[in-house]
Amino acid sequence: MMKNILYWILILFLPIGASAQKKIIEKLFSNDTTRHNSFLPVPLIGFSQEAGFQFGAVGIYSFYTDFENKETKASQIYGVAAFSTKKQLQLSFRADVWAKNNAYHYLIETKYYDQPFNFYGTGNETKFADEDHLNLKRLRLNGEIEKSC
C-alpha cells in the first residue's frame, strides 16, 4: 500500500521536477548578468523507518540588498516544512543576509521539531509491554551579527 502511494506521488511530481531542472539549467548557462531576486520552491519527499513517509516543501529566496554595488554578496532565505505519516513535524527557517557593501552579515535560524515516538527502554531485553509513548518537542533559535573591519 505504501509503495503504491509512493509510486503515484513520484509519477505526479516527476514532470514538475523535469521542467524545473530545464529552467535551472537555462538560468545557469544564460548570458544574463543582471542581478535579480529569485525564488525556488522544491517539493520534499522522503522515507525513513523512524518517521515513515515524509512530505513537505522547501523554498529558497535569493536577493540583493544593494543592486548597484557589484561587491555586495547575495542574501538567501531558506524555509522547510515537512510532515510525516508518523505525525512528526519539522519547520525550519534560516536567513543569511548581507548588508550594503558587506558591512554587516546577519544570520538568523529558527527550527521547530515535534517528534512523537515509542520508547521501550535500554538494553537487549526490552519488552513491548514496557512501551512508553513520548513526544519530543524542540525549538531552537539562533542569531548572529558580524561586522566587517
N, C-alpha and C. Protein backbone atom coordinates (compact mmCIF):
# COMPACT_ATOMS: atom_id res chain seq x y z
N MET A 1 0.83 -1.20 0.00
CA MET A 1 0.00 0.00 0.00
C MET A 1 0.87 1.25 0.00
N MET A 2 1.88 1.27 0.90
CA MET A 2 2.75 2.44 0.99
C MET A 2 3.55 2.63 -0.29
N LYS A 3 3.98 1.51 -0.91
CA LYS A 3 4.73 1.60 -2.15
C LYS A 3 3.86 2.17 -3.27
N ASN A 4 2.60 1.79 -3.31
CA ASN A 4 1.69 2.33 -4.32
C ASN A 4 1.54 3.83 -4.18
N ILE A 5 1.40 4.31 -2.96
CA ILE A 5 1.28 5.75 -2.73
C ILE A 5 2.55 6.46 -3.18
N LEU A 6 3.70 5.90 -2.83
CA LEU A 6 4.98 6.49 -3.22
C LEU A 6 5.11 6.54 -4.74
N TYR A 7 4.74 5.48 -5.43
CA TYR A 7 4.81 5.45 -6.90
C TYR A 7 3.92 6.53 -7.52
N TRP A 8 2.71 6.68 -7.01
CA TRP A 8 1.80 7.69 -7.55
C TRP A 8 2.33 9.09 -7.33
N ILE A 9 2.90 9.33 -6.18
CA ILE A 9 3.44 10.67 -5.91
C ILE A 9 4.63 10.94 -6.84
N LEU A 10 5.49 9.96 -7.04
CA LEU A 10 6.62 10.13 -7.97
C LEU A 10 6.12 10.40 -9.38
N ILE A 11 5.12 9.68 -9.81
CA ILE A 11 4.58 9.87 -11.16
C ILE A 11 3.99 11.27 -11.31
N LEU A 12 3.33 11.77 -10.26
CA LEU A 12 2.73 13.10 -10.33
C LEU A 12 3.76 14.22 -10.30
N PHE A 13 4.84 14.05 -9.50
CA PHE A 13 5.81 15.12 -9.34
C PHE A 13 6.96 15.06 -10.33
N LEU A 14 7.18 13.96 -11.00
CA LEU A 14 8.30 13.83 -11.92
C LEU A 14 8.25 14.87 -13.05
N PRO A 15 7.11 15.11 -13.71
CA PRO A 15 7.09 16.14 -14.75
C PRO A 15 7.39 17.54 -14.21
N ILE A 16 6.94 17.82 -13.01
CA ILE A 16 7.21 19.13 -12.41
C ILE A 16 8.71 19.29 -12.17
N GLY A 17 9.35 18.26 -11.65
CA GLY A 17 10.79 18.30 -11.40
C GLY A 17 11.57 18.44 -12.69
N ALA A 18 11.14 17.76 -13.74
CA ALA A 18 11.85 17.84 -15.02
C ALA A 18 11.78 19.24 -15.60
N SER A 19 10.63 19.88 -15.54
CA SER A 19 10.54 21.24 -16.08
C SER A 19 11.33 22.21 -15.23
N ALA A 20 11.39 21.98 -13.92
CA ALA A 20 12.18 22.85 -13.05
C ALA A 20 13.66 22.70 -13.37
N GLN A 21 14.13 21.48 -13.65
CA GLN A 21 15.53 21.25 -14.00
C GLN A 21 15.90 22.01 -15.27
N LYS A 22 15.02 22.01 -16.25
CA LYS A 22 15.30 22.70 -17.51
C LYS A 22 15.47 24.19 -17.26
N LYS A 23 14.61 24.76 -16.44
CA LYS A 23 14.71 26.20 -16.13
C LYS A 23 16.00 26.51 -15.39
N ILE A 24 16.40 25.64 -14.47
CA ILE A 24 17.64 25.86 -13.72
C ILE A 24 18.84 25.80 -14.66
N ILE A 25 18.87 24.83 -15.55
CA ILE A 25 19.99 24.70 -16.50
C ILE A 25 20.04 25.91 -17.41
N GLU A 26 18.89 26.38 -17.91
CA GLU A 26 18.87 27.57 -18.75
C GLU A 26 19.41 28.79 -17.99
N LYS A 27 19.04 28.90 -16.73
CA LYS A 27 19.49 30.03 -15.92
C LYS A 27 20.99 29.97 -15.67
N LEU A 28 21.53 28.78 -15.40
CA LEU A 28 22.95 28.63 -15.12
C LEU A 28 23.82 28.98 -16.33
N PHE A 29 23.36 28.64 -17.52
CA PHE A 29 24.16 28.87 -18.71
C PHE A 29 23.68 30.08 -19.52
N SER A 30 22.97 30.97 -18.86
CA SER A 30 22.46 32.16 -19.53
C SER A 30 23.54 33.25 -19.58
N ASN A 31 23.45 34.13 -20.56
CA ASN A 31 24.36 35.28 -20.66
C ASN A 31 23.86 36.48 -19.88
N ASP A 32 22.74 36.33 -19.19
CA ASP A 32 22.16 37.41 -18.39
C ASP A 32 23.02 37.65 -17.16
N THR A 33 23.63 38.83 -17.08
CA THR A 33 24.50 39.16 -15.95
C THR A 33 23.84 40.12 -14.98
N THR A 34 22.55 40.39 -15.14
CA THR A 34 21.87 41.30 -14.22
C THR A 34 21.65 40.63 -12.88
N ARG A 35 21.63 41.44 -11.87
CA ARG A 35 21.39 40.93 -10.52
C ARG A 35 19.89 41.04 -10.28
N HIS A 36 19.27 39.92 -9.97
CA HIS A 36 17.84 39.94 -9.73
C HIS A 36 17.48 38.96 -8.62
N ASN A 37 16.34 39.19 -8.01
CA ASN A 37 15.84 38.30 -6.96
C ASN A 37 15.26 37.05 -7.59
N SER A 38 15.30 35.94 -6.85
CA SER A 38 14.72 34.71 -7.37
C SER A 38 14.16 33.87 -6.22
N PHE A 39 13.16 33.08 -6.57
CA PHE A 39 12.55 32.18 -5.60
C PHE A 39 12.47 30.79 -6.22
N LEU A 40 12.92 29.77 -5.47
CA LEU A 40 12.91 28.40 -5.97
C LEU A 40 12.20 27.50 -4.96
N PRO A 41 10.94 27.11 -5.24
CA PRO A 41 10.26 26.14 -4.38
C PRO A 41 10.56 24.72 -4.87
N VAL A 42 10.73 23.79 -3.94
CA VAL A 42 11.04 22.40 -4.27
C VAL A 42 10.20 21.49 -3.38
N PRO A 43 9.53 20.48 -3.96
CA PRO A 43 8.79 19.54 -3.10
C PRO A 43 9.76 18.67 -2.31
N LEU A 44 9.35 18.28 -1.13
CA LEU A 44 10.16 17.43 -0.27
C LEU A 44 9.44 16.11 -0.10
N ILE A 45 10.10 15.03 -0.48
CA ILE A 45 9.53 13.69 -0.36
C ILE A 45 10.63 12.78 0.18
N GLY A 46 10.29 11.95 1.17
CA GLY A 46 11.29 11.04 1.72
C GLY A 46 10.66 9.94 2.54
N PHE A 47 11.49 9.03 2.97
CA PHE A 47 11.03 7.94 3.81
C PHE A 47 12.16 7.54 4.75
N SER A 48 11.82 7.33 6.01
CA SER A 48 12.76 6.77 6.97
C SER A 48 11.97 5.84 7.90
N GLN A 49 12.65 4.90 8.48
CA GLN A 49 11.98 3.93 9.35
C GLN A 49 11.36 4.62 10.56
N GLU A 50 12.05 5.62 11.10
CA GLU A 50 11.57 6.31 12.30
C GLU A 50 10.39 7.23 12.02
N ALA A 51 10.42 7.94 10.88
CA ALA A 51 9.40 8.94 10.59
C ALA A 51 8.33 8.43 9.64
N GLY A 52 8.61 7.39 8.89
CA GLY A 52 7.67 6.92 7.88
C GLY A 52 7.81 7.77 6.62
N PHE A 53 6.74 7.86 5.86
CA PHE A 53 6.74 8.65 4.63
C PHE A 53 6.69 10.13 5.00
N GLN A 54 7.58 10.94 4.43
CA GLN A 54 7.64 12.37 4.73
C GLN A 54 7.31 13.17 3.48
N PHE A 55 6.58 14.26 3.66
CA PHE A 55 6.29 15.14 2.54
C PHE A 55 6.25 16.57 3.04
N GLY A 56 6.50 17.49 2.15
CA GLY A 56 6.50 18.90 2.51
C GLY A 56 7.06 19.73 1.38
N ALA A 57 7.64 20.86 1.75
CA ALA A 57 8.18 21.79 0.75
C ALA A 57 9.40 22.50 1.30
N VAL A 58 10.28 22.87 0.38
CA VAL A 58 11.46 23.66 0.70
C VAL A 58 11.42 24.87 -0.23
N GLY A 59 11.76 26.02 0.29
CA GLY A 59 11.81 27.21 -0.55
C GLY A 59 13.08 27.99 -0.29
N ILE A 60 13.69 28.49 -1.35
CA ILE A 60 14.89 29.31 -1.24
C ILE A 60 14.63 30.62 -1.99
N TYR A 61 14.80 31.72 -1.28
CA TYR A 61 14.64 33.04 -1.87
C TYR A 61 15.99 33.74 -1.84
N SER A 62 16.52 34.11 -2.99
CA SER A 62 17.80 34.81 -3.09
C SER A 62 17.55 36.24 -3.51
N PHE A 63 18.27 37.17 -2.89
CA PHE A 63 18.07 38.58 -3.20
C PHE A 63 19.33 39.37 -2.89
N TYR A 64 19.36 40.61 -3.33
CA TYR A 64 20.48 41.52 -3.07
C TYR A 64 19.96 42.72 -2.30
N THR A 65 20.72 43.16 -1.31
CA THR A 65 20.33 44.36 -0.56
C THR A 65 20.80 45.62 -1.26
N ASP A 66 21.72 45.47 -2.23
CA ASP A 66 22.23 46.61 -2.99
C ASP A 66 22.47 46.14 -4.43
N PHE A 67 21.63 46.60 -5.36
CA PHE A 67 21.76 46.20 -6.75
C PHE A 67 22.88 46.95 -7.47
N GLU A 68 23.22 48.13 -6.98
CA GLU A 68 24.21 48.97 -7.66
C GLU A 68 25.64 48.47 -7.44
N ASN A 69 25.98 48.13 -6.21
CA ASN A 69 27.33 47.72 -5.87
C ASN A 69 27.49 46.23 -6.19
N LYS A 70 28.35 45.91 -7.13
CA LYS A 70 28.56 44.52 -7.55
C LYS A 70 29.34 43.71 -6.51
N GLU A 71 29.91 44.37 -5.51
CA GLU A 71 30.67 43.68 -4.47
C GLU A 71 29.75 43.12 -3.37
N THR A 72 28.53 43.63 -3.27
CA THR A 72 27.61 43.15 -2.25
C THR A 72 27.20 41.72 -2.56
N LYS A 73 27.34 40.85 -1.58
CA LYS A 73 27.04 39.43 -1.77
C LYS A 73 25.54 39.18 -1.80
N ALA A 74 25.18 38.06 -2.38
CA ALA A 74 23.77 37.66 -2.45
C ALA A 74 23.31 37.19 -1.07
N SER A 75 22.07 37.50 -0.73
CA SER A 75 21.46 37.06 0.53
C SER A 75 20.45 35.97 0.21
N GLN A 76 20.23 35.08 1.18
CA GLN A 76 19.27 33.99 0.98
C GLN A 76 18.39 33.81 2.20
N ILE A 77 17.18 33.37 1.93
CA ILE A 77 16.25 32.96 2.98
C ILE A 77 15.77 31.56 2.60
N TYR A 78 15.90 30.62 3.54
CA TYR A 78 15.51 29.23 3.31
C TYR A 78 14.35 28.88 4.24
N GLY A 79 13.46 28.08 3.77
CA GLY A 79 12.39 27.60 4.61
C GLY A 79 12.08 26.14 4.31
N VAL A 80 11.79 25.36 5.34
CA VAL A 80 11.45 23.95 5.19
C VAL A 80 10.23 23.65 6.05
N ALA A 81 9.27 22.98 5.48
CA ALA A 81 8.10 22.49 6.23
C ALA A 81 7.88 21.04 5.81
N ALA A 82 7.92 20.13 6.78
CA ALA A 82 7.77 18.70 6.47
C ALA A 82 6.90 18.03 7.53
N PHE A 83 6.08 17.09 7.07
CA PHE A 83 5.21 16.32 7.95
C PHE A 83 5.34 14.86 7.55
N SER A 84 5.23 13.95 8.51
CA SER A 84 5.38 12.53 8.20
C SER A 84 4.11 11.76 8.57
N THR A 85 4.03 10.54 8.05
CA THR A 85 2.87 9.69 8.34
C THR A 85 2.86 9.24 9.79
N LYS A 86 3.99 9.34 10.49
CA LYS A 86 4.04 9.02 11.91
C LYS A 86 3.93 10.28 12.76
N LYS A 87 3.30 11.31 12.18
CA LYS A 87 2.94 12.57 12.85
C LYS A 87 4.14 13.36 13.36
N GLN A 88 5.26 13.25 12.69
CA GLN A 88 6.41 14.09 13.03
C GLN A 88 6.35 15.35 12.19
N LEU A 89 6.70 16.47 12.79
CA LEU A 89 6.65 17.77 12.14
C LEU A 89 8.01 18.45 12.24
N GLN A 90 8.44 19.03 11.14
CA GLN A 90 9.70 19.79 11.13
C GLN A 90 9.45 21.10 10.41
N LEU A 91 9.75 22.20 11.09
CA LEU A 91 9.68 23.53 10.50
C LEU A 91 11.01 24.21 10.74
N SER A 92 11.59 24.78 9.71
CA SER A 92 12.84 25.50 9.90
C SER A 92 12.90 26.69 8.97
N PHE A 93 13.61 27.70 9.42
CA PHE A 93 13.75 28.95 8.69
C PHE A 93 15.16 29.46 8.93
N ARG A 94 15.83 29.90 7.88
CA ARG A 94 17.17 30.44 8.02
C ARG A 94 17.31 31.64 7.08
N ALA A 95 17.82 32.73 7.62
CA ALA A 95 18.09 33.92 6.82
C ALA A 95 19.58 34.22 6.89
N ASP A 96 20.18 34.45 5.75
CA ASP A 96 21.60 34.76 5.61
C ASP A 96 21.66 36.05 4.80
N VAL A 97 21.74 37.19 5.48
CA VAL A 97 21.57 38.49 4.83
C VAL A 97 22.86 39.31 4.92
N TRP A 98 23.27 39.84 3.77
CA TRP A 98 24.43 40.72 3.69
C TRP A 98 23.95 42.14 3.47
N ALA A 99 24.41 43.07 4.32
CA ALA A 99 24.03 44.48 4.20
C ALA A 99 24.80 45.13 3.05
N LYS A 100 24.46 46.37 2.73
CA LYS A 100 25.14 47.11 1.67
C LYS A 100 26.63 47.14 1.92
N ASN A 101 27.40 46.98 0.86
CA ASN A 101 28.86 46.97 0.91
C ASN A 101 29.41 45.87 1.82
N ASN A 102 28.63 44.87 2.12
CA ASN A 102 29.02 43.76 3.01
C ASN A 102 29.48 44.25 4.38
N ALA A 103 28.96 45.39 4.81
CA ALA A 103 29.36 45.96 6.09
C ALA A 103 28.90 45.08 7.26
N TYR A 104 27.73 44.49 7.15
CA TYR A 104 27.20 43.61 8.18
C TYR A 104 26.71 42.32 7.54
N HIS A 105 26.79 41.26 8.32
CA HIS A 105 26.30 39.95 7.89
C HIS A 105 25.39 39.44 9.00
N TYR A 106 24.12 39.21 8.69
CA TYR A 106 23.13 38.76 9.66
C TYR A 106 22.78 37.30 9.39
N LEU A 107 22.82 36.48 10.43
CA LEU A 107 22.42 35.08 10.35
C LEU A 107 21.33 34.83 11.38
N ILE A 108 20.19 34.35 10.91
CA ILE A 108 19.07 34.07 11.81
C ILE A 108 18.59 32.66 11.49
N GLU A 109 18.40 31.84 12.53
CA GLU A 109 17.97 30.46 12.32
C GLU A 109 16.93 30.08 13.37
N THR A 110 15.85 29.49 12.90
CA THR A 110 14.79 29.00 13.78
C THR A 110 14.42 27.60 13.33
N LYS A 111 14.36 26.67 14.27
CA LYS A 111 13.96 25.30 13.97
C LYS A 111 12.97 24.82 15.01
N TYR A 112 11.95 24.12 14.56
CA TYR A 112 10.98 23.53 15.47
C TYR A 112 10.76 22.08 15.04
N TYR A 113 10.88 21.17 15.98
CA TYR A 113 10.66 19.75 15.74
C TYR A 113 9.61 19.24 16.72
N ASP A 114 8.67 18.46 16.23
CA ASP A 114 7.68 17.77 17.05
C ASP A 114 7.75 16.31 16.63
N GLN A 115 8.35 15.47 17.49
CA GLN A 115 8.63 14.09 17.12
C GLN A 115 8.07 13.12 18.16
N PRO A 116 6.85 12.64 17.95
CA PRO A 116 6.35 11.59 18.84
C PRO A 116 7.01 10.25 18.48
N PHE A 117 7.32 9.46 19.50
CA PHE A 117 7.92 8.14 19.27
C PHE A 117 7.66 7.25 20.47
N ASN A 118 7.91 5.96 20.30
CA ASN A 118 7.73 4.99 21.37
C ASN A 118 9.09 4.59 21.91
N PHE A 119 9.19 4.53 23.22
CA PHE A 119 10.45 4.17 23.89
C PHE A 119 10.21 2.88 24.65
N TYR A 120 11.10 1.91 24.49
CA TYR A 120 10.93 0.60 25.09
C TYR A 120 11.96 0.31 26.17
N GLY A 121 12.83 1.25 26.46
CA GLY A 121 13.87 1.02 27.45
C GLY A 121 15.21 0.84 26.78
N THR A 122 16.20 0.46 27.57
CA THR A 122 17.55 0.25 27.04
C THR A 122 17.98 -1.19 27.27
N GLY A 123 18.92 -1.62 26.47
CA GLY A 123 19.45 -2.97 26.64
C GLY A 123 18.86 -3.95 25.66
N ASN A 124 19.28 -5.22 25.81
CA ASN A 124 18.87 -6.27 24.88
C ASN A 124 17.54 -6.91 25.22
N GLU A 125 17.04 -6.72 26.41
CA GLU A 125 15.85 -7.45 26.84
C GLU A 125 14.66 -6.54 27.09
N THR A 126 14.42 -5.59 26.19
CA THR A 126 13.25 -4.73 26.34
C THR A 126 12.01 -5.47 25.89
N LYS A 127 10.87 -5.10 26.46
CA LYS A 127 9.62 -5.78 26.16
C LYS A 127 8.63 -4.80 25.55
N PHE A 128 7.82 -5.32 24.65
CA PHE A 128 6.80 -4.50 24.02
C PHE A 128 5.83 -3.95 25.07
N ALA A 129 5.61 -4.68 26.14
CA ALA A 129 4.70 -4.25 27.20
C ALA A 129 5.24 -3.03 27.96
N ASP A 130 6.55 -2.79 27.86
CA ASP A 130 7.16 -1.64 28.55
C ASP A 130 7.13 -0.36 27.72
N GLU A 131 6.36 -0.37 26.66
CA GLU A 131 6.31 0.77 25.74
C GLU A 131 5.84 2.04 26.43
N ASP A 132 6.57 3.13 26.22
CA ASP A 132 6.17 4.46 26.68
C ASP A 132 6.07 5.36 25.46
N HIS A 133 4.95 6.06 25.34
CA HIS A 133 4.78 7.00 24.23
C HIS A 133 5.34 8.35 24.67
N LEU A 134 6.35 8.83 23.96
CA LEU A 134 6.99 10.10 24.27
C LEU A 134 6.79 11.07 23.12
N ASN A 135 6.84 12.34 23.44
CA ASN A 135 6.72 13.37 22.41
C ASN A 135 7.84 14.39 22.62
N LEU A 136 8.82 14.35 21.75
CA LEU A 136 9.96 15.27 21.83
C LEU A 136 9.63 16.52 21.03
N LYS A 137 9.60 17.65 21.71
CA LYS A 137 9.38 18.93 21.05
C LYS A 137 10.60 19.81 21.31
N ARG A 138 11.19 20.29 20.21
CA ARG A 138 12.38 21.12 20.34
C ARG A 138 12.18 22.41 19.56
N LEU A 139 12.63 23.50 20.15
CA LEU A 139 12.63 24.80 19.49
C LEU A 139 14.04 25.35 19.61
N ARG A 140 14.62 25.72 18.49
CA ARG A 140 15.97 26.28 18.50
C ARG A 140 15.94 27.64 17.83
N LEU A 141 16.48 28.64 18.50
CA LEU A 141 16.59 29.98 17.96
C LEU A 141 18.06 30.38 18.00
N ASN A 142 18.55 30.94 16.92
CA ASN A 142 19.93 31.36 16.87
C ASN A 142 20.02 32.62 16.03
N GLY A 143 20.82 33.57 16.49
CA GLY A 143 21.03 34.79 15.72
C GLY A 143 22.47 35.26 15.87
N GLU A 144 23.03 35.76 14.80
CA GLU A 144 24.41 36.27 14.80
C GLU A 144 24.48 37.53 13.95
N ILE A 145 25.35 38.42 14.35
CA ILE A 145 25.65 39.61 13.56
C ILE A 145 27.16 39.73 13.46
N GLU A 146 27.65 39.86 12.24
CA GLU A 146 29.08 40.05 12.02
C GLU A 146 29.29 41.42 11.36
N LYS A 147 30.34 42.10 11.78
CA LYS A 147 30.67 43.41 11.20
C LYS A 147 32.05 43.33 10.58
N SER A 148 32.16 43.82 9.35
CA SER A 148 33.48 43.80 8.72
C SER A 148 34.33 44.92 9.29
N CYS A 149 35.62 44.69 9.34
CA CYS A 149 36.55 45.69 9.89
C CYS A 149 37.20 46.49 8.81
